[in-house]
C-alpha atoms as a PDB file:
ATOM      1  CA  UNK A   1      42.897 -52.133 126.765  1.00  0.00           C
ATOM      2  CA  UNK A   2      42.594 -53.469 123.231  1.00  0.00           C
ATOM      3  CA  UNK A   3      39.757 -51.662 121.431  1.00  0.00           C
ATOM      4  CA  UNK A   4      38.235 -54.622 119.502  1.00  0.00           C
ATOM      5  CA  UNK A   5      36.919 -52.543 116.599  1.00  0.00           C
ATOM      6  CA  UNK A   6      33.655 -53.857 115.120  1.00  0.00           C
ATOM      7  CA  UNK A   7      34.418 -53.873 111.377  1.00  0.00           C
ATOM      8  CA  UNK A   8      37.135 -54.099 108.748  1.00  0.00           C
ATOM      9  CA  UNK A   9      38.464 -50.622 108.034  1.00  0.00           C
ATOM     10  CA  UNK A  10      38.615 -51.338 104.285  1.00  0.00           C
ATOM     11  CA  UNK A  11      35.537 -53.387 103.332  1.00  0.00           C
ATOM     12  CA  UNK A  12      33.433 -52.662 106.441  1.00  0.00           C
ATOM     13  CA  UNK A  13      32.803 -56.392 107.055  1.00  0.00           C
ATOM     14  CA  UNK A  14      31.456 -57.162 110.518  1.00  0.00           C
ATOM     15  CA  UNK A  15      34.142 -58.434 112.899  1.00  0.00           C
ATOM     16  CA  UNK A  16      32.422 -59.317 116.176  1.00  0.00           C
ATOM     17  CA  UNK A  17      34.548 -59.678 119.320  1.00  0.00           C
ATOM     18  CA  UNK A  18      34.843 -63.464 118.865  1.00  0.00           C
ATOM     19  CA  UNK A  19      35.860 -63.318 115.183  1.00  0.00           C
ATOM     20  CA  UNK A  20      38.932 -65.286 114.179  1.00  0.00           C
ATOM     21  CA  UNK A  21      38.876 -63.359 110.874  1.00  0.00           C
ATOM     22  CA  UNK A  22      39.980 -60.080 112.523  1.00  0.00           C
ATOM     23  CA  UNK A  23      43.588 -58.937 112.155  1.00  0.00           C
ATOM     24  CA  UNK A  24      45.297 -55.955 113.783  1.00  0.00           C
ATOM     25  CA  UNK A  25      48.563 -54.065 113.503  1.00  0.00           C
ATOM     26  CA  UNK A  26      50.391 -52.706 116.557  1.00  0.00           C
ATOM     27  CA  UNK A  27      48.239 -49.558 116.412  1.00  0.00           C
ATOM     28  CA  UNK A  28      45.025 -51.654 116.463  1.00  0.00           C
ATOM     29  CA  UNK A  29      44.180 -50.867 112.832  1.00  0.00           C
ATOM     30  CA  UNK A  30      41.647 -53.606 112.153  1.00  0.00           C
ATOM     31  CA  UNK A  31      41.038 -55.490 108.920  1.00  0.00           C
ATOM     32  CA  UNK A  32      39.467 -58.799 107.933  1.00  0.00           C
ATOM     33  CA  UNK A  33      41.673 -61.720 106.939  1.00  0.00           C
ATOM     34  CA  UNK A  34      40.618 -61.477 103.293  1.00  0.00           C
ATOM     35  CA  UNK A  35      41.622 -57.806 103.020  1.00  0.00           C
ATOM     36  CA  UNK A  36      44.919 -58.394 104.868  1.00  0.00           C
ATOM     37  CA  UNK A  37      45.888 -61.165 102.469  1.00  0.00           C
ATOM     38  CA  UNK A  38      44.324 -60.184  99.127  1.00  0.00           C
ATOM     39  CA  UNK A  39      44.251 -56.375  99.248  1.00  0.00           C
ATOM     40  CA  UNK A  40      46.820 -55.169 101.774  1.00  0.00           C
ATOM     41  CA  UNK A  41      49.443 -57.890 101.283  1.00  0.00           C
ATOM     42  CA  UNK A  42      50.229 -57.833 105.032  1.00  0.00           C
ATOM     43  CA  UNK A  43      51.180 -54.138 104.940  1.00  0.00           C
ATOM     44  CA  UNK A  44      49.086 -51.819 107.112  1.00  0.00           C
ATOM     45  CA  UNK A  45      48.045 -48.854 104.950  1.00  0.00           C
ATOM     46  CA  UNK A  46      48.155 -46.573 107.993  1.00  0.00           C
ATOM     47  CA  UNK A  47      51.568 -47.388 109.482  1.00  0.00           C
ATOM     48  CA  UNK A  48      53.362 -49.884 107.226  1.00  0.00           C
ATOM     49  CA  UNK A  49      53.484 -52.580 109.887  1.00  0.00           C
ATOM     50  CA  UNK A  50      52.347 -56.165 109.563  1.00  0.00           C
ATOM     51  CA  UNK A  51      49.286 -57.857 110.990  1.00  0.00           C
ATOM     52  CA  UNK A  52      48.554 -60.495 113.605  1.00  0.00           C
ATOM     53  CA  UNK A  53      45.299 -62.263 114.442  1.00  0.00           C
ATOM     54  CA  UNK A  54      43.308 -60.145 116.889  1.00  0.00           C
ATOM     55  CA  UNK A  55      42.905 -61.883 120.251  1.00  0.00           C
ATOM     56  CA  UNK A  56      39.442 -62.945 121.341  1.00  0.00           C
ATOM     57  CA  UNK A  57      38.342 -61.491 124.673  1.00  0.00           C
ATOM     58  CA  UNK A  58      36.658 -64.086 126.918  1.00  0.00           C
ATOM     59  CA  UNK A  59      32.834 -63.910 126.996  1.00  0.00           C
ATOM     60  CA  UNK A  60      32.573 -64.990 130.625  1.00  0.00           C
ATOM     61  CA  UNK A  61      34.432 -64.015 133.770  1.00  0.00           C
ATOM     62  CA  UNK A  62      36.938 -66.751 134.415  1.00  0.00           C
ATOM     63  CA  UNK A  63      39.305 -64.653 136.514  1.00  0.00           C
ATOM     64  CA  UNK A  64      39.329 -61.200 138.045  1.00  0.00           C
ATOM     65  CA  UNK A  65      36.551 -59.620 136.020  1.00  0.00           C
ATOM     66  CA  UNK A  66      38.613 -59.642 132.831  1.00  0.00           C
ATOM     67  CA  UNK A  67      35.957 -60.433 130.239  1.00  0.00           C
ATOM     68  CA  UNK A  68      33.796 -58.908 127.523  1.00  0.00           C
ATOM     69  CA  UNK A  69      31.057 -57.970 129.997  1.00  0.00           C
ATOM     70  CA  UNK A  70      33.371 -55.644 131.921  1.00  0.00           C
ATOM     71  CA  UNK A  71      35.418 -54.562 128.908  1.00  0.00           C
ATOM     72  CA  UNK A  72      33.047 -54.479 125.932  1.00  0.00           C
ATOM     73  CA  UNK A  73      34.147 -54.231 122.329  1.00  0.00           C
ATOM     74  CA  UNK A  74      34.104 -50.847 120.653  1.00  0.00           C
ATOM     75  CA  UNK A  75      31.065 -49.828 118.652  1.00  0.00           C
ATOM     76  CA  UNK A  76      32.905 -47.032 116.809  1.00  0.00           C
ATOM     77  CA  UNK A  77      33.249 -47.960 113.145  1.00  0.00           C
ATOM     78  CA  UNK A  78      36.387 -46.773 111.335  1.00  0.00           C
ATOM     79  CA  UNK A  79      35.530 -47.343 107.697  1.00  0.00           C
ATOM     80  CA  UNK A  80      38.439 -45.944 105.701  1.00  0.00           C
ATOM     81  CA  UNK A  81      38.631 -47.733 102.347  1.00  0.00           C
ATOM     82  CA  UNK A  82      42.186 -48.010 101.100  1.00  0.00           C
ATOM     83  CA  UNK A  83      43.301 -46.190  97.945  1.00  0.00           C
ATOM     84  CA  UNK A  84      44.385 -49.321  96.066  1.00  0.00           C
ATOM     85  CA  UNK A  85      46.726 -47.568  93.611  1.00  0.00           C
ATOM     86  CA  UNK A  86      48.544 -45.686  96.364  1.00  0.00           C
ATOM     87  CA  UNK A  87      48.712 -48.821  98.506  1.00  0.00           C
ATOM     88  CA  UNK A  88      50.258 -50.838  95.649  1.00  0.00           C
ATOM     89  CA  UNK A  89      53.121 -48.312  95.552  1.00  0.00           C
ATOM     90  CA  UNK A  90      53.443 -48.486  99.353  1.00  0.00           C
ATOM     91  CA  UNK A  91      53.523 -52.298  99.283  1.00  0.00           C
ATOM     92  CA  UNK A  92      56.206 -52.221  96.567  1.00  0.00           C
ATOM     93  CA  UNK A  93      58.397 -50.101  98.864  1.00  0.00           C
ATOM     94  CA  UNK A  94      58.028 -52.729 101.599  1.00  0.00           C
ATOM     95  CA  UNK A  95      58.738 -55.711  99.327  1.00  0.00           C
ATOM     96  CA  UNK A  96      61.336 -57.948 100.870  1.00  0.00           C
ATOM     97  CA  UNK A  97      61.196 -56.320 104.301  1.00  0.00           C
ATOM     98  CA  UNK A  98      59.567 -58.637 106.845  1.00  0.00           C
ATOM     99  CA  UNK A  99      57.079 -56.984 109.217  1.00  0.00           C
ATOM    100  CA  UNK A 100      59.397 -57.318 112.218  1.00  0.00           C
ATOM    101  CA  UNK A 101      62.051 -55.243 110.411  1.00  0.00           C
ATOM    102  CA  UNK A 102      59.828 -52.467 109.105  1.00  0.00           C
END
């Protein structure tokens, strides 16, 4: 089950379960759209993968109990600001390699 982390790991911005500003990598590392674009340059600082918009879990039960009420978002904050100098070097290593080929 997707964790739906509550904040951006870099800037700690709130990312509620219905946020369209939340982005995740394949390991569910969670960042806001602004950090993904302006700071991380679409390179996850934890795994090197790319990001996709995080899905929004339905608020109401439309089928089979699969909704936010039965599967609530996480409340565990993972605030791990990125070392910008180290990440710039990491991004440079990934330059020219699309996320699907990393």
